[in-house]
Amino acid sequence: MANQFKGTIRLDIRDSVPEWDPFLQPQAPEGAPNILILVWDDVGHGAMDVFGGPIDRVVVDVSGEAYIDFEKQVTAWVMRD
């Protein structure tokens, strides 16, 4: 079921009351951490410079003073017949 409309609709628009809640930007709770997750699809094993590839990772390295570098990620290879 759809969310219940919390405004008021009257015959004259001047007597109506809008509901702006569905149009407001969502707000993070107070004290919520700032987390940025980068997901790079179809990059390949040897694409990053740390593995000898041509993609320079300097943007990732300088994007934050403290970050987690997942060195042991899981990669699923799909082979077609």
N, C-alpha and C. Protein backbone atom coordinates (compact mmCIF):
# COMPACT_ATOMS: atom_id res chain seq x y z
N MET A 1 0.84 -1.17 0.00
CA MET A 1 0.00 0.00 0.00
C MET A 1 0.89 1.24 0.00
N ALA A 2 0.47 2.27 -0.69
CA ALA A 2 1.23 3.52 -0.76
C ALA A 2 1.17 4.24 0.58
N ASN A 3 2.12 5.16 0.78
CA ASN A 3 2.13 5.96 2.00
C ASN A 3 0.89 6.85 2.05
N GLN A 4 0.40 7.06 3.24
CA GLN A 4 -0.78 7.89 3.45
C GLN A 4 -0.42 9.36 3.25
N PHE A 5 -1.24 10.10 2.48
CA PHE A 5 -1.04 11.53 2.26
C PHE A 5 -1.37 12.28 3.54
N LYS A 6 -0.42 13.11 4.01
CA LYS A 6 -0.59 13.80 5.28
C LYS A 6 -1.03 15.25 5.12
N GLY A 7 -1.19 15.70 3.89
CA GLY A 7 -1.66 17.07 3.66
C GLY A 7 -3.18 17.14 3.70
N THR A 8 -3.70 18.30 3.32
CA THR A 8 -5.14 18.51 3.27
C THR A 8 -5.50 19.07 1.91
N ILE A 9 -6.47 18.45 1.24
CA ILE A 9 -6.93 18.92 -0.06
C ILE A 9 -8.33 19.50 0.12
N ARG A 10 -8.48 20.77 -0.21
CA ARG A 10 -9.77 21.46 -0.12
C ARG A 10 -10.21 21.89 -1.51
N LEU A 11 -11.43 22.31 -1.63
CA LEU A 11 -11.98 22.77 -2.90
C LEU A 11 -11.22 24.00 -3.39
N ASP A 12 -10.88 24.90 -2.51
CA ASP A 12 -10.09 26.10 -2.84
C ASP A 12 -8.63 25.81 -2.47
N ILE A 13 -7.73 26.02 -3.43
CA ILE A 13 -6.32 25.72 -3.20
C ILE A 13 -5.74 26.51 -2.03
N ARG A 14 -6.29 27.68 -1.78
CA ARG A 14 -5.79 28.52 -0.68
C ARG A 14 -6.08 27.90 0.68
N ASP A 15 -7.03 27.00 0.73
CA ASP A 15 -7.36 26.33 1.99
C ASP A 15 -6.66 24.97 2.12
N SER A 16 -5.95 24.55 1.08
CA SER A 16 -5.26 23.26 1.09
C SER A 16 -3.91 23.39 1.81
N VAL A 17 -3.43 22.27 2.32
CA VAL A 17 -2.14 22.22 3.01
C VAL A 17 -1.29 21.15 2.32
N PRO A 18 -0.12 21.53 1.77
CA PRO A 18 0.71 20.54 1.08
C PRO A 18 1.49 19.67 2.07
N GLU A 19 1.95 18.55 1.57
CA GLU A 19 2.87 17.70 2.33
C GLU A 19 4.17 17.63 1.55
N TRP A 20 5.24 18.16 2.10
CA TRP A 20 6.52 18.21 1.40
C TRP A 20 7.46 17.09 1.78
N ASP A 21 7.11 16.25 2.74
CA ASP A 21 8.01 15.20 3.21
C ASP A 21 8.55 14.29 2.10
N PRO A 22 7.73 13.85 1.13
CA PRO A 22 8.29 12.97 0.09
C PRO A 22 9.35 13.64 -0.79
N PHE A 23 9.43 14.97 -0.78
CA PHE A 23 10.37 15.68 -1.64
C PHE A 23 11.63 16.13 -0.90
N LEU A 24 11.71 15.91 0.40
CA LEU A 24 12.87 16.33 1.18
C LEU A 24 14.02 15.34 0.99
N GLN A 25 15.25 15.86 1.03
CA GLN A 25 16.43 15.00 0.94
C GLN A 25 16.54 14.17 2.21
N PRO A 26 16.89 12.89 2.10
CA PRO A 26 17.08 12.09 3.31
C PRO A 26 18.28 12.61 4.10
N GLN A 27 18.16 12.60 5.40
CA GLN A 27 19.22 13.07 6.29
C GLN A 27 19.81 11.89 7.06
N ALA A 28 21.13 11.88 7.16
CA ALA A 28 21.80 10.84 7.95
C ALA A 28 21.56 11.12 9.43
N PRO A 29 21.48 10.07 10.23
CA PRO A 29 21.30 10.28 11.67
C PRO A 29 22.51 11.01 12.26
N GLU A 30 22.30 11.70 13.35
CA GLU A 30 23.37 12.42 14.03
C GLU A 30 24.46 11.44 14.46
N GLY A 31 25.70 11.77 14.14
CA GLY A 31 26.84 10.92 14.50
C GLY A 31 27.11 9.79 13.52
N ALA A 32 26.38 9.75 12.41
CA ALA A 32 26.62 8.69 11.41
C ALA A 32 27.98 8.91 10.76
N PRO A 33 28.74 7.84 10.50
CA PRO A 33 30.06 8.00 9.90
C PRO A 33 29.97 8.31 8.41
N ASN A 34 30.98 8.98 7.89
CA ASN A 34 31.09 9.22 6.46
C ASN A 34 31.78 8.02 5.84
N ILE A 35 31.10 7.34 4.96
CA ILE A 35 31.65 6.15 4.31
C ILE A 35 31.48 6.29 2.81
N LEU A 36 32.55 6.07 2.09
CA LEU A 36 32.52 6.08 0.63
C LEU A 36 32.95 4.71 0.15
N ILE A 37 32.09 4.05 -0.60
CA ILE A 37 32.40 2.73 -1.14
C ILE A 37 32.53 2.86 -2.64
N LEU A 38 33.68 2.49 -3.16
CA LEU A 38 33.91 2.51 -4.60
C LEU A 38 33.78 1.09 -5.13
N VAL A 39 32.94 0.92 -6.12
CA VAL A 39 32.78 -0.37 -6.77
C VAL A 39 33.13 -0.18 -8.23
N TRP A 40 34.20 -0.80 -8.65
CA TRP A 40 34.64 -0.69 -10.04
C TRP A 40 34.35 -2.02 -10.73
N ASP A 41 33.46 -1.98 -11.68
CA ASP A 41 33.07 -3.18 -12.39
C ASP A 41 33.92 -3.33 -13.65
N ASP A 42 34.27 -4.54 -13.98
CA ASP A 42 35.02 -4.88 -15.19
C ASP A 42 36.37 -4.17 -15.26
N VAL A 43 37.04 -4.02 -14.13
CA VAL A 43 38.36 -3.38 -14.14
C VAL A 43 39.43 -4.38 -14.55
N GLY A 44 39.33 -5.59 -14.07
CA GLY A 44 40.33 -6.60 -14.41
C GLY A 44 41.40 -6.71 -13.34
N HIS A 45 42.06 -7.86 -13.30
CA HIS A 45 43.06 -8.12 -12.27
C HIS A 45 44.27 -7.21 -12.37
N GLY A 46 44.84 -7.06 -13.55
CA GLY A 46 46.07 -6.31 -13.71
C GLY A 46 45.89 -4.87 -14.13
N ALA A 47 44.70 -4.31 -13.94
CA ALA A 47 44.45 -2.95 -14.41
C ALA A 47 45.05 -1.88 -13.50
N MET A 48 45.05 -2.10 -12.19
CA MET A 48 45.55 -1.10 -11.25
C MET A 48 47.07 -1.06 -11.25
N ASP A 49 47.61 0.13 -10.95
CA ASP A 49 49.06 0.30 -10.95
C ASP A 49 49.76 -0.54 -9.90
N VAL A 50 49.07 -0.87 -8.80
CA VAL A 50 49.71 -1.70 -7.77
C VAL A 50 49.97 -3.11 -8.27
N PHE A 51 49.27 -3.53 -9.31
CA PHE A 51 49.49 -4.84 -9.92
C PHE A 51 50.24 -4.73 -11.23
N GLY A 52 50.80 -3.54 -11.52
CA GLY A 52 51.56 -3.35 -12.75
C GLY A 52 50.75 -2.86 -13.92
N GLY A 53 49.50 -2.50 -13.69
CA GLY A 53 48.63 -2.05 -14.77
C GLY A 53 48.74 -0.57 -15.05
N PRO A 54 48.03 -0.10 -16.08
CA PRO A 54 48.12 1.30 -16.50
C PRO A 54 47.27 2.29 -15.71
N ILE A 55 46.34 1.83 -14.88
CA ILE A 55 45.45 2.74 -14.16
C ILE A 55 46.15 3.23 -12.90
N ASP A 56 46.42 4.54 -12.84
CA ASP A 56 47.09 5.15 -11.70
C ASP A 56 46.09 5.30 -10.56
N ARG A 57 46.47 4.84 -9.40
CA ARG A 57 45.58 4.84 -8.25
C ARG A 57 45.81 6.05 -7.35
N VAL A 58 46.46 7.10 -7.86
CA VAL A 58 46.78 8.25 -7.02
C VAL A 58 45.53 8.95 -6.50
N VAL A 59 44.45 8.95 -7.27
CA VAL A 59 43.21 9.59 -6.83
C VAL A 59 42.66 8.86 -5.61
N VAL A 60 42.72 7.56 -5.62
CA VAL A 60 42.25 6.78 -4.48
C VAL A 60 43.19 6.98 -3.30
N ASP A 61 44.49 7.04 -3.55
CA ASP A 61 45.46 7.17 -2.47
C ASP A 61 45.36 8.50 -1.75
N VAL A 62 45.06 9.59 -2.45
CA VAL A 62 45.01 10.90 -1.81
C VAL A 62 43.60 11.35 -1.46
N SER A 63 42.60 10.50 -1.70
CA SER A 63 41.22 10.91 -1.45
C SER A 63 40.89 11.01 0.03
N GLY A 64 41.67 10.40 0.87
CA GLY A 64 41.42 10.50 2.31
C GLY A 64 42.68 10.20 3.09
N GLU A 65 42.79 10.78 4.27
CA GLU A 65 43.96 10.52 5.08
C GLU A 65 43.92 9.11 5.65
N ALA A 66 42.74 8.63 5.95
CA ALA A 66 42.61 7.29 6.51
C ALA A 66 41.57 6.53 5.70
N TYR A 67 41.97 5.44 5.13
CA TYR A 67 41.03 4.61 4.39
C TYR A 67 41.44 3.16 4.53
N ILE A 68 40.55 2.28 4.19
CA ILE A 68 40.83 0.85 4.24
C ILE A 68 41.11 0.38 2.82
N ASP A 69 42.21 -0.27 2.63
CA ASP A 69 42.57 -0.81 1.33
C ASP A 69 42.37 -2.32 1.39
N PHE A 70 41.37 -2.82 0.70
CA PHE A 70 41.09 -4.25 0.71
C PHE A 70 42.05 -4.95 -0.24
N GLU A 71 43.08 -5.56 0.33
CA GLU A 71 44.08 -6.22 -0.49
C GLU A 71 43.68 -7.65 -0.84
N LYS A 72 42.79 -8.23 -0.07
CA LYS A 72 42.40 -9.61 -0.31
C LYS A 72 40.92 -9.68 -0.68
N GLN A 73 40.57 -9.03 -1.76
CA GLN A 73 39.19 -9.04 -2.21
C GLN A 73 38.89 -10.36 -2.91
N VAL A 74 37.63 -10.67 -3.00
CA VAL A 74 37.20 -11.89 -3.66
C VAL A 74 36.70 -11.53 -5.04
N THR A 75 37.23 -12.21 -6.04
CA THR A 75 36.81 -11.97 -7.41
C THR A 75 36.23 -13.26 -7.97
N ALA A 76 35.05 -13.18 -8.52
CA ALA A 76 34.41 -14.36 -9.11
C ALA A 76 34.60 -14.31 -10.62
N TRP A 77 35.23 -15.32 -11.16
CA TRP A 77 35.43 -15.40 -12.60
C TRP A 77 34.30 -16.21 -13.21
N VAL A 78 33.76 -15.72 -14.30
CA VAL A 78 32.69 -16.41 -15.00
C VAL A 78 33.24 -16.88 -16.34
N MET A 79 33.16 -18.18 -16.57
CA MET A 79 33.66 -18.73 -17.84
C MET A 79 32.48 -19.31 -18.61
N ARG A 80 32.38 -18.92 -19.85
CA ARG A 80 31.30 -19.44 -20.69
C ARG A 80 31.80 -20.64 -21.48
N ASP A 81 30.88 -21.51 -21.81
CA ASP A 81 31.23 -22.70 -22.60
C ASP A 81 31.51 -22.35 -24.04
